[in-house]
Amino acid sequence: MTTYLDIIDTAVKIGLGALIAGATTYIVSSRKQKHDRDSELIKERKSLVKEIAIKVGAIENHQNKIVVAIDYANRESAIEHIVPAAADAYLIQTLANLVGDEPLLSSTSKFAEIFESLYDELNKEELDWEALDRLSQELGEARLATFPHIRSAFVEIED
């Protein structure tokens, strides 16, 4: 014969089982969701660093076009190439800021400064060939100095 005590005992066991199952499901789901979120964040940061690397590589292309235009004393053409180069430089700086790597951000901020200086030099009445050559060298050095920071930022992003 079933007593009230047996009914209560069974109800408590069922209730505790449901509570344990619910709590376990909640904990496992929360951890999985956090892991998925973290994983997505890592993928996004790596993608940003890859985009920075591609854009820094494109800086050399811009630099070559600017140097050729300057060598042929074609200011207008050099200035036309500086505009998209500066846009890329600012984009690189923004992406580096999103990645959150301070050495990378510091390194990439030099590009915009150098393109601004090049633009200023090209808009002077008399071209200062030494200044233009120095700025071109600074740009090349800044580009080469940035690659280790890109590599470091990429490696530091944990999988």
Protein backbone atom coordinates (compact mmCIF):
# COMPACT_ATOMS: atom_id res chain seq x y z
CA MET A 1 0.00 0.00 0.00
CA THR A 2 1.30 3.43 -0.97
CA THR A 3 1.56 5.90 1.85
CA TYR A 4 1.77 9.65 1.81
CA LEU A 5 5.41 9.33 2.77
CA ASP A 6 6.13 7.24 -0.37
CA ILE A 7 4.37 9.81 -2.55
CA ILE A 8 6.27 12.69 -1.00
CA ASP A 9 9.54 10.74 -1.29
CA THR A 10 8.93 10.06 -4.99
CA ALA A 11 7.92 13.69 -5.64
CA VAL A 12 11.05 14.99 -3.93
CA LYS A 13 13.26 12.62 -5.94
CA ILE A 14 11.61 13.65 -9.21
CA GLY A 15 11.83 17.34 -8.26
CA LEU A 16 15.49 17.09 -7.28
CA GLY A 17 16.27 15.16 -10.46
CA ALA A 18 14.57 17.84 -12.54
CA LEU A 19 16.34 20.60 -10.61
CA ILE A 20 19.73 18.96 -11.07
CA ALA A 21 19.07 18.35 -14.79
CA GLY A 22 17.90 21.95 -15.26
CA ALA A 23 20.89 23.40 -13.41
CA THR A 24 23.30 21.20 -15.34
CA THR A 25 21.72 22.17 -18.66
CA TYR A 26 21.91 25.86 -17.73
CA ILE A 27 25.58 25.64 -16.70
CA VAL A 28 26.61 23.65 -19.77
CA SER A 29 24.67 25.99 -22.10
CA SER A 30 26.18 29.08 -20.46
CA ARG A 31 29.70 27.72 -20.81
CA LYS A 32 29.11 26.69 -24.41
CA GLN A 33 27.68 30.10 -25.24
CA LYS A 34 30.65 31.87 -23.60
CA HIS A 35 33.09 29.59 -25.44
CA ASP A 36 31.32 30.29 -28.76
CA ARG A 37 31.38 34.05 -28.07
CA ASP A 38 35.08 33.96 -27.17
CA SER A 39 35.84 31.84 -30.22
CA GLU A 40 34.04 34.31 -32.49
CA LEU A 41 35.92 37.21 -30.90
CA ILE A 42 39.25 35.48 -31.54
CA LYS A 43 38.31 34.85 -35.18
CA GLU A 44 37.30 38.51 -35.59
CA ARG A 45 40.53 39.81 -34.04
CA LYS A 46 42.63 37.50 -36.24
CA SER A 47 40.70 38.69 -39.27
CA LEU A 48 41.41 42.32 -38.33
CA VAL A 49 45.13 41.60 -37.96
CA LYS A 50 45.14 39.87 -41.37
CA GLU A 51 43.43 42.90 -42.90
CA ILE A 52 46.05 45.17 -41.32
CA ALA A 53 48.81 43.01 -42.83
CA ILE A 54 47.24 43.26 -46.29
CA LYS A 55 46.81 47.02 -46.00
CA VAL A 56 50.38 47.50 -44.76
CA GLY A 57 51.53 45.53 -47.80
CA ALA A 58 49.46 47.87 -49.99
CA ILE A 59 51.29 50.84 -48.46
CA GLU A 60 54.38 49.75 -50.44
CA ASN A 61 52.36 49.89 -53.65
CA HIS A 62 51.18 53.41 -52.78
CA GLN A 63 54.71 54.40 -51.85
CA ASN A 64 56.10 53.16 -55.18
CA LYS A 65 53.51 55.14 -57.16
CA ILE A 66 54.23 58.27 -55.14
CA VAL A 67 58.00 57.91 -55.55
CA VAL A 68 57.71 57.40 -59.31
CA ALA A 69 55.47 60.46 -59.61
CA ILE A 70 57.90 62.53 -57.54
CA ASP A 71 60.87 61.31 -59.59
CA TYR A 72 59.11 62.55 -62.71
CA ALA A 73 58.30 65.82 -60.92
CA ASN A 74 54.60 65.13 -61.34
CA ARG A 75 53.16 66.67 -58.18
CA GLU A 76 49.53 66.19 -59.17
CA SER A 77 50.00 62.49 -59.71
CA ALA A 78 51.93 62.12 -56.43
CA ILE A 79 49.17 63.95 -54.54
CA GLU A 80 46.51 61.80 -56.24
CA HIS A 81 48.30 58.69 -54.92
CA ILE A 82 48.73 60.15 -51.43
CA VAL A 83 44.99 60.52 -50.91
CA PRO A 84 44.11 56.78 -51.10
CA ALA A 85 47.35 55.95 -49.31
CA ALA A 86 46.40 58.22 -46.43
CA ALA A 87 42.91 56.69 -46.39
CA ASP A 88 44.48 53.24 -46.07
CA ALA A 89 46.81 54.54 -43.37
CA TYR A 90 43.87 55.82 -41.31
CA LEU A 91 42.01 52.55 -41.85
CA ILE A 92 45.06 50.59 -40.67
CA GLN A 93 45.20 52.76 -37.57
CA THR A 94 41.50 52.20 -36.86
CA LEU A 95 41.83 48.43 -37.30
CA ALA A 96 44.88 48.36 -35.02
CA ASN A 97 42.88 50.24 -32.42
CA LEU A 98 40.11 47.63 -32.64
CA VAL A 99 42.63 44.82 -32.21
CA GLY A 100 43.74 46.50 -29.00
CA ASP A 101 47.47 45.89 -29.39
CA GLU A 102 49.29 49.03 -28.24
CA PRO A 103 52.64 48.40 -30.01
CA LEU A 104 50.79 47.67 -33.25
CA LEU A 105 48.70 50.83 -32.89
CA SER A 106 51.78 52.93 -32.19
CA SER A 107 53.60 51.48 -35.18
CA THR A 108 50.72 51.94 -37.61
CA SER A 109 49.99 55.52 -36.55
CA LYS A 110 53.28 56.56 -38.19
CA PHE A 111 51.87 55.89 -41.67
CA ALA A 112 49.26 58.62 -41.49
CA GLU A 113 51.80 61.09 -40.08
CA ILE A 114 54.25 60.39 -42.90
CA PHE A 115 51.60 60.67 -45.64
CA GLU A 116 50.42 63.96 -44.15
CA SER A 117 54.02 65.24 -44.18
CA LEU A 118 54.44 64.07 -47.78
CA TYR A 119 51.25 65.88 -48.74
CA ASP A 120 52.47 69.06 -47.03
CA GLU A 121 55.86 68.84 -48.77
CA LEU A 122 54.26 68.34 -52.17
CA ASN A 123 52.06 71.37 -51.67
CA LYS A 124 54.98 73.70 -51.00
CA GLU A 125 55.94 76.09 -53.73
CA GLU A 126 59.49 74.73 -53.94
CA LEU A 127 60.04 70.98 -53.63
CA ASP A 128 62.50 69.95 -50.93
CA TRP A 129 63.99 66.83 -52.49
CA GLU A 130 65.89 65.89 -49.35
CA ALA A 131 62.73 66.07 -47.24
CA LEU A 132 60.80 64.00 -49.80
CA ASP A 133 63.55 61.38 -49.88
CA ARG A 134 63.72 61.30 -46.07
CA LEU A 135 59.94 60.87 -45.79
CA SER A 136 59.99 58.09 -48.37
CA GLN A 137 62.72 56.32 -46.38
CA GLU A 138 60.77 56.83 -43.14
CA LEU A 139 57.71 55.31 -44.76
CA GLY A 140 59.65 52.23 -45.86
CA GLU A 141 61.21 51.86 -42.43
CA ALA A 142 57.84 52.28 -40.70
CA ARG A 143 56.32 49.64 -42.94
CA LEU A 144 59.12 47.17 -42.25
CA ALA A 145 59.00 47.93 -38.51
CA THR A 146 55.27 47.20 -38.44
CA PHE A 147 55.47 43.59 -39.66
CA PRO A 148 56.93 42.20 -36.41
CA HIS A 149 54.12 43.92 -34.49
CA ILE A 150 51.56 42.36 -36.81
CA ARG A 151 53.09 38.93 -36.33
CA SER A 152 53.23 39.42 -32.57
CA ALA A 153 49.62 40.62 -32.37
CA PHE A 154 48.47 37.65 -34.45
CA VAL A 155 50.35 35.10 -32.35
CA GLU A 156 49.18 36.61 -29.07
CA ILE A 157 45.54 36.07 -29.99
CA GLU A 158 44.77 32.79 -28.25
CA ASP A 159 42.95 30.04 -30.07
